[in-house]
Each structure stands twice: as structure tokens, then as C-alpha cells.
N, C-alpha and C. Protein backbone atom coordinates (compact mmCIF):
# COMPACT_ATOMS: atom_id res chain seq x y z
N MET A 1 -18.98 -9.34 15.79
CA MET A 1 -17.91 -9.00 14.86
C MET A 1 -16.80 -8.22 15.56
N LEU A 2 -17.20 -7.24 16.36
CA LEU A 2 -16.20 -6.43 17.07
C LEU A 2 -15.37 -7.28 18.02
N LYS A 3 -16.01 -8.24 18.67
CA LYS A 3 -15.29 -9.10 19.60
C LYS A 3 -14.20 -9.90 18.88
N ARG A 4 -14.50 -10.36 17.67
CA ARG A 4 -13.51 -11.13 16.91
C ARG A 4 -12.31 -10.25 16.54
N HIS A 5 -12.59 -8.99 16.17
CA HIS A 5 -11.50 -8.07 15.84
C HIS A 5 -10.63 -7.78 17.07
N LEU A 6 -11.27 -7.58 18.20
CA LEU A 6 -10.51 -7.32 19.43
C LEU A 6 -9.67 -8.53 19.82
N ASN A 7 -10.21 -9.73 19.67
CA ASN A 7 -9.44 -10.93 19.97
C ASN A 7 -8.25 -11.07 19.04
N ALA A 8 -8.43 -10.73 17.76
CA ALA A 8 -7.31 -10.79 16.81
C ALA A 8 -6.23 -9.79 17.20
N LEU A 9 -6.63 -8.58 17.60
CA LEU A 9 -5.66 -7.59 18.04
C LEU A 9 -4.92 -8.04 19.29
N ARG A 10 -5.64 -8.61 20.23
CA ARG A 10 -4.99 -9.11 21.46
C ARG A 10 -3.97 -10.19 21.14
N MET A 11 -4.30 -11.06 20.21
CA MET A 11 -3.38 -12.13 19.83
C MET A 11 -2.11 -11.53 19.21
N GLN A 12 -2.28 -10.53 18.32
CA GLN A 12 -1.13 -9.88 17.71
C GLN A 12 -0.27 -9.16 18.75
N TRP A 13 -0.92 -8.46 19.68
CA TRP A 13 -0.18 -7.75 20.72
C TRP A 13 0.60 -8.73 21.59
N ALA A 14 0.01 -9.86 21.91
CA ALA A 14 0.70 -10.87 22.72
C ALA A 14 1.90 -11.43 21.96
N PHE A 15 1.71 -11.69 20.67
CA PHE A 15 2.81 -12.21 19.85
C PHE A 15 3.96 -11.20 19.80
N ARG A 16 3.64 -9.94 19.56
CA ARG A 16 4.67 -8.92 19.48
C ARG A 16 5.38 -8.71 20.82
N ALA A 17 4.67 -8.85 21.92
CA ALA A 17 5.28 -8.67 23.23
C ALA A 17 6.30 -9.77 23.53
N LYS A 18 6.09 -10.95 22.97
CA LYS A 18 6.99 -12.08 23.21
C LYS A 18 8.16 -12.12 22.23
N LEU A 19 8.11 -11.34 21.16
CA LEU A 19 9.15 -11.35 20.13
C LEU A 19 10.42 -10.70 20.65
N LYS A 20 11.53 -11.39 20.48
CA LYS A 20 12.83 -10.91 20.95
C LYS A 20 13.70 -10.55 19.75
N PRO A 21 14.65 -9.63 19.91
CA PRO A 21 15.53 -9.28 18.79
C PRO A 21 16.27 -10.49 18.19
N GLU A 22 16.56 -11.49 18.99
CA GLU A 22 17.26 -12.68 18.49
C GLU A 22 16.42 -13.43 17.45
N GLU A 23 15.11 -13.19 17.45
CA GLU A 23 14.22 -13.89 16.54
C GLU A 23 13.95 -13.11 15.26
N TRP A 24 14.46 -11.89 15.14
CA TRP A 24 14.22 -11.08 13.95
C TRP A 24 14.98 -11.67 12.78
N ASN A 25 14.46 -11.47 11.57
CA ASN A 25 15.09 -11.98 10.37
C ASN A 25 14.82 -11.00 9.24
N LEU A 26 15.85 -10.62 8.52
CA LEU A 26 15.71 -9.69 7.41
C LEU A 26 16.59 -10.17 6.27
N LYS A 27 16.02 -10.32 5.10
CA LYS A 27 16.76 -10.78 3.94
C LYS A 27 16.68 -9.73 2.84
N PHE A 28 17.78 -9.58 2.12
CA PHE A 28 17.86 -8.64 1.01
C PHE A 28 18.11 -9.39 -0.29
N GLY A 29 17.59 -8.87 -1.37
CA GLY A 29 17.86 -9.44 -2.68
C GLY A 29 18.12 -8.32 -3.68
N VAL A 30 19.03 -8.59 -4.62
CA VAL A 30 19.34 -7.64 -5.68
C VAL A 30 18.88 -8.26 -6.98
N TYR A 31 18.03 -7.52 -7.69
CA TYR A 31 17.47 -8.01 -8.95
C TYR A 31 17.86 -7.08 -10.09
N VAL A 32 18.18 -7.66 -11.24
CA VAL A 32 18.39 -6.92 -12.47
C VAL A 32 17.54 -7.57 -13.54
N ASP A 33 16.67 -6.80 -14.15
CA ASP A 33 15.75 -7.33 -15.16
C ASP A 33 14.99 -8.55 -14.65
N ASN A 34 14.48 -8.47 -13.42
CA ASN A 34 13.70 -9.53 -12.78
C ASN A 34 14.49 -10.81 -12.52
N ALA A 35 15.81 -10.74 -12.58
CA ALA A 35 16.66 -11.90 -12.28
C ALA A 35 17.42 -11.62 -10.99
N LEU A 36 17.36 -12.55 -10.06
CA LEU A 36 18.11 -12.41 -8.80
C LEU A 36 19.58 -12.58 -9.08
N ILE A 37 20.37 -11.55 -8.71
CA ILE A 37 21.82 -11.64 -8.94
C ILE A 37 22.61 -11.70 -7.64
N GLY A 38 21.94 -11.46 -6.51
CA GLY A 38 22.63 -11.55 -5.23
C GLY A 38 21.64 -11.47 -4.09
N CYS A 39 22.03 -12.07 -2.96
CA CYS A 39 21.16 -12.01 -1.79
C CYS A 39 21.99 -12.09 -0.54
N LYS A 40 21.43 -11.58 0.52
CA LYS A 40 22.09 -11.58 1.83
C LYS A 40 21.00 -11.71 2.88
N GLY A 41 21.21 -12.59 3.82
CA GLY A 41 20.22 -12.77 4.87
C GLY A 41 20.87 -13.19 6.16
N ALA A 42 20.16 -12.95 7.22
CA ALA A 42 20.66 -13.33 8.54
C ALA A 42 19.78 -14.40 9.12
């Protein structure tokens, strides 16, 4: 069980090490009474 957890952590660390700022993505949404009234994303 421990080996599986360590392998999962290694995979995540490898993924994060390869991630570049150009690949980041953040989206915003504005809701009023559970209705989307505006959004902005890159």
C-alpha cells in the first residue's frame, strides 16, 4: 500500500516539475442567485 502511495506522489511531483507558466489556466465566473452573469478566462 505504501509503495502505491509513493508512486502516486512521484507521478504528481514529475507532473508539477514539467508544468510551465504558459500552461496555467484560470477562469473566473460571477454568479447572482445561482445564475452566471459574467465570466473571464485565459
